[in-house]
Amino acid sequence: MPAPSELFDMTGKVVLVTGGSRGMGRAMSLAFAAAGADVIVASRKIEVCEEVAHMIRAMGRRAMAIACHVGNWDEIDSLVSSAMAEFGRIDVLINNAGMSPASPCSADLEEGLFDKVVDVNFKGPFRLTALVAKAMADAGGGSIINVSSLSAIRPQPSVSAYAGAKAALNAISVGVAMEYAAQGVRVNVIAPGAFATDISRHWSDPEKVRKRAAMGRVADPREIVTAALYYASDYSAFTTGANLRIDGGRL
């Protein structure tokens, strides 16, 4: 058996992380670079992408910062084209970008905001998964990791639209996993519970959120890292269509 460090060795791999400049995306971008990967950091704001890319280059890895709104299919097509032109391939895709605005009443949710929630959490990740899965299949395989949410499994009234979009993401993850399984492309899901990211600053009752977990706390963004490394590892080659909850024992 290889040493534990070899199990998560990403040397020579090219990893694309959406929402890669903050929170869980930032943690995963830096972790994959530390494991030896070259990383493409994508989010809406190029400045923060460049900050993370600079940190990755300081580790001795190649990095590329790309501004991309994942709710826009044209920008997604451009993201994939730019990544392929620079690196020639994508070995690991992490669909992490998302948005979860709360609405006290579902009837008050405006159509424009509903469309944005669906675009960012489902439509965009679907398109990116589809494009990258095909490219991976042509190259002999790869790993796609879709960051969903525990809300897709246990929805709360205030985020029902978000929960629905993430549930749809869960469904297409299984569908694409089955579509490309024989070609070496694996598609898996991580379902995080409450994490201390930028979104947590907008929680109306942080104490209530903490008490939902049996552990009585929220997670540090770095606590998603080993789940992503597991899915990306070549030693997890028999894992596809899976959904891993990271929720502190949600009650």
Protein backbone atom coordinates (compact mmCIF):
# COMPACT_ATOMS: atom_id res chain seq x y z
CA MET A 1 0.00 0.00 0.00
CA PRO A 2 1.19 3.53 -0.71
CA ALA A 3 1.95 5.94 2.11
CA PRO A 4 -0.96 8.18 3.22
CA SER A 5 0.72 11.19 1.60
CA GLU A 6 0.73 9.36 -1.74
CA LEU A 7 -2.99 8.66 -1.54
CA PHE A 8 -3.70 12.37 -1.82
CA ASP A 9 -0.80 13.27 -4.11
CA MET A 10 -2.07 15.60 -6.84
CA THR A 11 1.27 16.21 -8.54
CA GLY A 12 0.80 16.90 -12.23
CA LYS A 13 -2.96 17.33 -12.03
CA VAL A 14 -4.85 20.41 -13.22
CA VAL A 15 -7.71 21.46 -10.95
CA LEU A 16 -10.45 23.99 -11.74
CA VAL A 17 -12.27 25.47 -8.75
CA THR A 18 -15.28 27.77 -9.18
CA GLY A 19 -15.93 30.11 -6.29
CA GLY A 20 -12.26 29.41 -5.63
CA SER A 21 -11.32 32.73 -4.10
CA ARG A 22 -13.24 32.62 -0.81
CA GLY A 23 -14.45 30.27 1.90
CA MET A 24 -14.49 26.58 1.06
CA GLY A 25 -13.34 27.25 -2.51
CA ARG A 26 -10.26 29.10 -1.32
CA ALA A 27 -9.47 26.33 1.16
CA MET A 28 -9.73 23.70 -1.57
CA SER A 29 -7.71 25.74 -4.08
CA LEU A 30 -4.83 26.10 -1.62
CA ALA A 31 -5.06 22.49 -0.43
CA PHE A 32 -4.85 21.07 -3.93
CA ALA A 33 -1.88 23.30 -4.68
CA ALA A 34 -0.21 22.11 -1.48
CA ALA A 35 -0.84 18.54 -2.68
CA GLY A 36 1.01 19.31 -5.92
CA ALA A 37 -1.70 20.40 -8.35
CA ASP A 38 -1.80 23.35 -10.70
CA VAL A 39 -4.98 25.31 -10.03
CA ILE A 40 -7.39 27.46 -12.03
CA VAL A 41 -9.18 29.81 -9.64
CA ALA A 42 -12.48 31.15 -10.96
CA SER A 43 -15.01 33.54 -9.44
CA ARG A 44 -16.79 36.74 -10.39
CA LYS A 45 -14.07 39.09 -9.10
CA ILE A 46 -10.71 38.77 -10.80
CA GLU A 47 -8.87 40.66 -8.06
CA VAL A 48 -9.59 38.08 -5.35
CA CYS A 49 -8.88 35.25 -7.81
CA GLU A 50 -5.47 36.80 -8.45
CA GLU A 51 -4.77 36.94 -4.72
CA VAL A 52 -5.30 33.20 -4.36
CA ALA A 53 -3.41 32.51 -7.59
CA HIS A 54 -0.46 34.50 -6.23
CA MET A 55 -0.43 32.33 -3.09
CA ILE A 56 -0.48 29.19 -5.23
CA ARG A 57 2.42 30.38 -7.37
CA ALA A 58 4.35 31.07 -4.17
CA MET A 59 4.02 27.31 -3.47
CA GLY A 60 5.81 26.61 -6.73
CA ARG A 61 2.69 25.61 -8.65
CA ARG A 62 1.14 27.05 -11.79
CA ALA A 63 -2.03 29.06 -11.28
CA MET A 64 -4.53 30.87 -13.45
CA ALA A 65 -7.11 33.40 -12.30
CA ILE A 66 -10.28 33.76 -14.38
CA ALA A 67 -13.29 35.99 -13.81
CA CYS A 68 -16.45 34.00 -14.49
CA HIS A 69 -20.10 34.31 -13.52
CA VAL A 70 -21.20 30.67 -13.43
CA GLY A 71 -24.82 31.64 -14.04
CA ASN A 72 -23.88 32.72 -17.57
CA TRP A 73 -23.40 29.88 -20.08
CA ASP A 74 -21.32 32.02 -22.44
CA GLU A 75 -18.85 32.77 -19.64
CA ILE A 76 -18.71 29.09 -18.73
CA ASP A 77 -17.84 28.17 -22.32
CA SER A 78 -15.10 30.80 -22.23
CA LEU A 79 -13.84 29.52 -18.87
CA VAL A 80 -13.41 25.99 -20.21
CA SER A 81 -11.80 27.22 -23.43
CA SER A 82 -9.32 29.42 -21.53
CA ALA A 83 -8.42 26.64 -19.11
CA MET A 84 -7.88 24.14 -21.91
CA ALA A 85 -5.83 26.61 -23.93
CA GLU A 86 -3.52 27.28 -20.97
CA PHE A 87 -3.17 23.78 -19.50
CA GLY A 88 -4.36 21.41 -22.21
CA ARG A 89 -6.64 19.48 -19.89
CA ILE A 90 -8.70 19.57 -16.67
CA ASP A 91 -8.18 16.59 -14.36
CA VAL A 92 -10.40 17.74 -11.49
CA LEU A 93 -13.38 20.10 -11.57
CA ILE A 94 -14.83 21.44 -8.33
CA ASN A 95 -18.17 23.16 -8.84
CA ASN A 96 -18.18 25.19 -5.65
CA ALA A 97 -19.68 28.56 -6.58
CA GLY A 98 -23.15 29.18 -5.19
CA MET A 99 -25.57 31.63 -3.61
CA SER A 100 -28.24 31.08 -0.95
CA PRO A 101 -30.33 34.19 -0.29
CA ALA A 102 -32.97 33.71 2.37
CA SER A 103 -36.61 34.62 1.84
CA PRO A 104 -38.98 34.79 4.85
CA CYS A 105 -41.86 33.72 2.62
CA SER A 106 -41.63 31.72 -0.60
CA ALA A 107 -44.44 33.77 -2.10
CA ASP A 108 -42.33 36.92 -1.70
CA LEU A 109 -39.37 35.57 -3.69
CA GLU A 110 -39.13 37.63 -6.87
CA GLU A 111 -38.74 35.93 -10.22
CA GLY A 112 -35.43 37.64 -10.94
CA LEU A 113 -33.85 36.41 -7.72
CA PHE A 114 -35.31 32.93 -8.23
CA ASP A 115 -33.70 32.79 -11.68
CA LYS A 116 -30.33 33.86 -10.24
CA VAL A 117 -30.49 31.16 -7.56
CA VAL A 118 -31.25 28.50 -10.18
CA ASP A 119 -28.66 29.84 -12.64
CA VAL A 120 -25.78 29.89 -10.13
CA ASN A 121 -26.61 26.73 -8.19
CA PHE A 122 -27.89 24.48 -10.96
CA LYS A 123 -27.86 25.72 -14.54
CA GLY A 124 -24.24 26.88 -14.51
CA PRO A 125 -22.82 23.85 -12.69
CA PHE A 126 -24.79 21.59 -15.05
CA ARG A 127 -23.25 23.26 -18.09
CA LEU A 128 -19.75 23.21 -16.63
CA THR A 129 -20.10 19.58 -15.57
CA ALA A 130 -21.32 18.62 -19.04
CA LEU A 131 -18.52 20.41 -20.89
CA VAL A 132 -15.72 19.23 -18.62
CA ALA A 133 -17.01 15.65 -18.41
CA LYS A 134 -16.87 15.39 -22.20
CA ALA A 135 -13.34 16.83 -22.28
CA MET A 136 -12.26 14.46 -19.51
CA ALA A 137 -13.74 11.48 -21.35
CA ASP A 138 -11.83 12.44 -24.50
CA ALA A 139 -8.63 12.63 -22.39
CA GLY A 140 -9.15 9.30 -20.64
CA GLY A 141 -10.87 10.28 -17.39
CA GLY A 142 -11.11 12.71 -14.50
CA SER A 143 -12.99 13.63 -11.35
CA ILE A 144 -15.84 16.12 -10.99
CA ILE A 145 -16.85 17.25 -7.51
CA ASN A 146 -20.12 19.12 -7.16
CA VAL A 147 -20.52 21.03 -3.92
CA SER A 148 -24.20 20.81 -3.06
CA SER A 149 -25.78 21.47 0.34
CA LEU A 150 -27.45 19.66 3.18
CA SER A 151 -30.42 21.88 2.31
CA ALA A 152 -31.02 19.68 -0.72
CA ILE A 153 -31.69 16.80 1.69
CA ARG A 154 -33.18 18.69 4.63
CA PRO A 155 -34.57 21.96 3.23
CA GLN A 156 -35.46 24.87 5.44
CA PRO A 157 -38.46 27.10 4.54
CA SER A 158 -36.36 30.25 4.12
CA VAL A 159 -34.14 28.72 1.42
CA SER A 160 -36.54 26.43 -0.43
CA ALA A 161 -35.54 27.72 -3.90
CA TYR A 162 -31.86 27.20 -3.08
CA ALA A 163 -32.64 23.75 -1.72
CA GLY A 164 -34.48 22.86 -4.92
CA ALA A 165 -31.61 24.01 -7.11
CA LYS A 166 -29.11 21.99 -5.08
CA ALA A 167 -31.39 18.94 -5.19
CA ALA A 168 -31.38 19.29 -8.96
CA LEU A 169 -27.58 19.45 -8.87
CA ASN A 170 -27.56 16.21 -6.88
CA ALA A 171 -29.74 14.56 -9.52
CA ILE A 172 -27.69 15.57 -12.54
CA SER A 173 -24.50 14.55 -10.74
CA VAL A 174 -25.77 10.97 -10.64
CA GLY A 175 -26.99 11.17 -14.23
CA VAL A 176 -23.66 12.42 -15.60
CA ALA A 177 -21.79 9.93 -13.40
CA MET A 178 -23.69 7.12 -15.08
CA GLU A 179 -23.25 8.68 -18.52
CA TYR A 180 -19.45 8.73 -18.33
CA ALA A 181 -18.62 5.96 -15.84
CA ALA A 182 -17.28 3.60 -18.50
CA GLN A 183 -15.00 6.35 -19.81
CA GLY A 184 -13.23 6.95 -16.52
CA VAL A 185 -15.02 10.14 -15.53
CA ARG A 186 -16.30 10.18 -11.96
CA VAL A 187 -18.90 12.64 -10.65
CA ASN A 188 -19.51 12.93 -6.92
CA VAL A 189 -21.21 15.31 -4.51
CA ILE A 190 -20.23 16.91 -1.22
CA ALA A 191 -23.18 18.12 0.87
CA PRO A 192 -21.90 20.60 3.45
CA GLY A 193 -23.88 21.64 6.48
CA ALA A 194 -23.19 24.96 8.19
CA PHE A 195 -19.73 26.34 7.42
CA ALA A 196 -18.20 29.57 8.73
CA THR A 197 -17.91 31.31 5.37
CA ASP A 198 -19.00 34.79 4.25
CA ILE A 199 -22.60 33.56 4.18
CA SER A 200 -22.53 32.92 7.92
CA ARG A 201 -22.35 36.66 8.59
CA HIS A 202 -25.93 36.93 7.33
CA TRP A 203 -27.44 34.25 9.57
CA SER A 204 -30.27 35.75 11.59
CA ASP A 205 -29.79 33.31 14.48
CA PRO A 206 -26.23 31.87 14.54
CA GLU A 207 -26.86 30.04 17.82
CA LYS A 208 -29.81 28.17 16.29
CA VAL A 209 -27.64 27.16 13.35
CA ARG A 210 -24.94 25.79 15.66
CA LYS A 211 -27.46 23.76 17.66
CA ARG A 212 -28.72 21.99 14.54
CA ALA A 213 -25.52 19.93 14.50
CA ALA A 214 -24.93 17.21 17.08
CA MET A 215 -21.40 18.60 17.46
CA GLY A 216 -22.88 21.95 18.48
CA ARG A 217 -20.75 24.03 16.16
CA VAL A 218 -20.25 25.12 12.57
CA ALA A 219 -17.39 23.95 10.38
CA ASP A 220 -14.17 25.68 9.44
CA PRO A 221 -13.87 25.93 5.61
CA ARG A 222 -10.74 23.77 5.76
CA GLU A 223 -12.84 20.86 7.01
CA ILE A 224 -14.09 20.22 3.48
CA VAL A 225 -10.59 19.67 2.11
CA THR A 226 -10.06 15.96 2.74
CA ALA A 227 -13.46 15.09 1.26
CA ALA A 228 -12.47 16.83 -1.97
CA LEU A 229 -9.03 15.20 -1.98
CA TYR A 230 -10.65 11.81 -1.45
CA TYR A 231 -12.95 12.21 -4.44
CA ALA A 232 -10.09 13.51 -6.60
CA SER A 233 -7.62 10.78 -5.64
CA ASP A 234 -6.78 8.06 -8.15
CA TYR A 235 -7.17 5.63 -5.26
CA SER A 236 -10.89 6.48 -5.16
CA ALA A 237 -11.39 5.32 -8.72
CA PHE A 238 -14.37 3.09 -7.79
CA THR A 239 -16.34 5.98 -6.25
CA THR A 240 -18.85 7.72 -8.49
CA GLY A 241 -22.41 9.00 -8.05
CA ALA A 242 -21.78 9.33 -4.28
CA ASN A 243 -23.02 12.06 -1.95
CA LEU A 244 -20.98 12.73 1.19
CA ARG A 245 -22.52 14.77 4.00
CA ILE A 246 -20.24 17.01 6.05
CA ASP A 247 -22.67 18.38 8.59
CA GLY A 248 -21.42 17.71 12.12
CA GLY A 249 -24.21 15.20 12.68
CA ARG A 250 -27.19 17.28 11.63
CA LEU A 251 -30.09 16.71 14.01
